[in-house]
C-alpha atoms as a PDB file:
ATOM      1  CA  MET A   1     -83.259 112.387 -62.588  1.00  0.00           C
ATOM      2  CA  SER A   2     -85.804 114.909 -61.345  1.00  0.00           C
ATOM      3  CA  ASN A   3     -85.783 116.162 -57.766  1.00  0.00           C
ATOM      4  CA  GLN A   4     -89.191 114.511 -57.326  1.00  0.00           C
ATOM      5  CA  ALA A   5     -87.759 111.129 -58.322  1.00  0.00           C
ATOM      6  CA  TRP A   6     -84.759 111.660 -56.037  1.00  0.00           C
ATOM      7  CA  SER A   7     -86.984 112.434 -53.070  1.00  0.00           C
ATOM      8  CA  TRP A   8     -88.970 109.222 -53.558  1.00  0.00           C
ATOM      9  CA  LEU A   9     -85.865 107.092 -54.077  1.00  0.00           C
ATOM     10  CA  LEU A  10     -84.104 108.491 -51.011  1.00  0.00           C
ATOM     11  CA  ALA A  11     -87.248 108.137 -48.885  1.00  0.00           C
ATOM     12  CA  ILE A  12     -87.830 104.525 -49.941  1.00  0.00           C
ATOM     13  CA  PHE A  13     -84.235 103.511 -49.267  1.00  0.00           C
ATOM     14  CA  GLY A  14     -84.167 105.336 -45.913  1.00  0.00           C
ATOM     15  CA  VAL A  15     -87.441 103.890 -44.647  1.00  0.00           C
ATOM     16  CA  THR A  16     -86.497 100.392 -45.833  1.00  0.00           C
ATOM     17  CA  GLY A  17     -83.198 100.635 -43.964  1.00  0.00           C
ATOM     18  CA  MET A  18     -84.941 101.771 -40.785  1.00  0.00           C
ATOM     19  CA  TRP A  19     -87.411  98.891 -41.162  1.00  0.00           C
ATOM     20  CA  TYR A  20     -84.499  96.440 -41.204  1.00  0.00           C
ATOM     21  CA  VAL A  21     -82.950  98.131 -38.155  1.00  0.00           C
ATOM     22  CA  GLY A  22     -86.249  97.630 -36.329  1.00  0.00           C
ATOM     23  CA  LYS A  23     -86.088  93.945 -37.206  1.00  0.00           C
ATOM     24  CA  LYS A  24     -82.589  93.906 -35.649  1.00  0.00           C
ATOM     25  CA  GLN A  25     -80.906  92.768 -38.846  1.00  0.00           C
ATOM     26  CA  ALA A  26     -77.253  93.788 -38.915  1.00  0.00           C
ATOM     27  CA  THR A  27     -77.376  93.993 -42.703  1.00  0.00           C
ATOM     28  CA  ALA A  28     -79.606  97.063 -42.272  1.00  0.00           C
ATOM     29  CA  PHE A  29     -76.585  99.159 -41.407  1.00  0.00           C
ATOM     30  CA  PHE A  30     -74.778  98.082 -44.540  1.00  0.00           C
ATOM     31  CA  PHE A  31     -77.921  98.834 -46.576  1.00  0.00           C
ATOM     32  CA  LEU A  32     -78.128 102.310 -45.028  1.00  0.00           C
ATOM     33  CA  THR A  33     -74.428 102.856 -45.684  1.00  0.00           C
ATOM     34  CA  ALA A  34     -75.036 102.099 -49.371  1.00  0.00           C
ATOM     35  CA  ASN A  35     -77.993 104.514 -49.243  1.00  0.00           C
ATOM     36  CA  GLU A  36     -75.563 107.301 -48.457  1.00  0.00           C
ATOM     37  CA  ILE A  37     -74.038 106.841 -51.906  1.00  0.00           C
ATOM     38  CA  LEU A  38     -77.403 107.927 -53.291  1.00  0.00           C
ATOM     39  CA  TRP A  39     -77.272 111.024 -51.090  1.00  0.00           C
ATOM     40  CA  VAL A  40     -73.841 111.885 -52.482  1.00  0.00           C
ATOM     41  CA  LEU A  41     -75.129 111.517 -56.036  1.00  0.00           C
ATOM     42  CA  PHE A  42     -78.136 113.687 -55.189  1.00  0.00           C
ATOM     43  CA  ALA A  43     -75.858 116.322 -53.648  1.00  0.00           C
ATOM     44  CA  LEU A  44     -73.660 116.395 -56.722  1.00  0.00           C
ATOM     45  CA  GLN A  45     -76.603 116.627 -59.119  1.00  0.00           C
ATOM     46  CA  THR A  46     -78.327 119.397 -57.195  1.00  0.00           C
ATOM     47  CA  LYS A  47     -75.097 121.161 -56.127  1.00  0.00           C
ATOM     48  CA  GLN A  48     -76.077 120.899 -52.455  1.00  0.00           C
ATOM     49  CA  TYR A  49     -72.666 119.888 -51.201  1.00  0.00           C
ATOM     50  CA  GLY A  50     -73.580 119.958 -47.514  1.00  0.00           C
ATOM     51  CA  PHE A  51     -75.378 116.661 -48.089  1.00  0.00           C
ATOM     52  CA  ILE A  52     -72.016 115.048 -48.890  1.00  0.00           C
ATOM     53  CA  PHE A  53     -70.763 115.882 -45.390  1.00  0.00           C
ATOM     54  CA  MET A  54     -73.997 114.475 -43.930  1.00  0.00           C
ATOM     55  CA  ALA A  55     -73.722 111.305 -46.015  1.00  0.00           C
ATOM     56  CA  VAL A  56     -70.137 110.656 -44.939  1.00  0.00           C
ATOM     57  CA  CYS A  57     -71.035 111.136 -41.270  1.00  0.00           C
ATOM     58  CA  TYR A  58     -74.119 108.918 -41.488  1.00  0.00           C
ATOM     59  CA  ALA A  59     -72.266 106.221 -43.434  1.00  0.00           C
ATOM     60  CA  THR A  60     -69.496 106.195 -40.822  1.00  0.00           C
ATOM     61  CA  VAL A  61     -71.997 105.728 -37.997  1.00  0.00           C
ATOM     62  CA  TYR A  62     -73.986 103.090 -39.905  1.00  0.00           C
ATOM     63  CA  PHE A  63     -70.873 101.128 -40.801  1.00  0.00           C
ATOM     64  CA  ARG A  64     -69.510 101.302 -37.246  1.00  0.00           C
ATOM     65  CA  ASN A  65     -72.822 100.162 -35.747  1.00  0.00           C
ATOM     66  CA  GLY A  66     -73.145  97.392 -38.311  1.00  0.00           C
ATOM     67  CA  MET A  67     -69.701  96.071 -37.455  1.00  0.00           C
ATOM     68  CA  ARG A  68     -70.534  96.157 -33.734  1.00  0.00           C
ATOM     69  CA  TRP A  69     -73.796  94.258 -34.292  1.00  0.00           C
ATOM     70  CA  LYS A  70     -71.979  91.717 -36.433  1.00  0.00           C
ATOM     71  CA  ARG A  71     -69.384  91.086 -33.679  1.00  0.00           C
ATOM     72  CA  GLU A  72     -72.077  90.744 -31.004  1.00  0.00           C
ATOM     73  CA  ASN A  73     -74.099  88.166 -32.945  1.00  0.00           C
END
């Protein structure tokens, strides 16, 4: 996949996830966690391994927040 295609895919998934967060849907955090898998794939394809660290950190926060929202609702 070209870098141009990756940038659009990652942007669409990220913005969609934030849209769901704004609607206070707990599933948004699980969607954003899955989005981090795309970041890992992008990092591997482009050999930008720092993005893997970022993706793991973001996914951890998203998953934790999603679990907290789920317990509260």
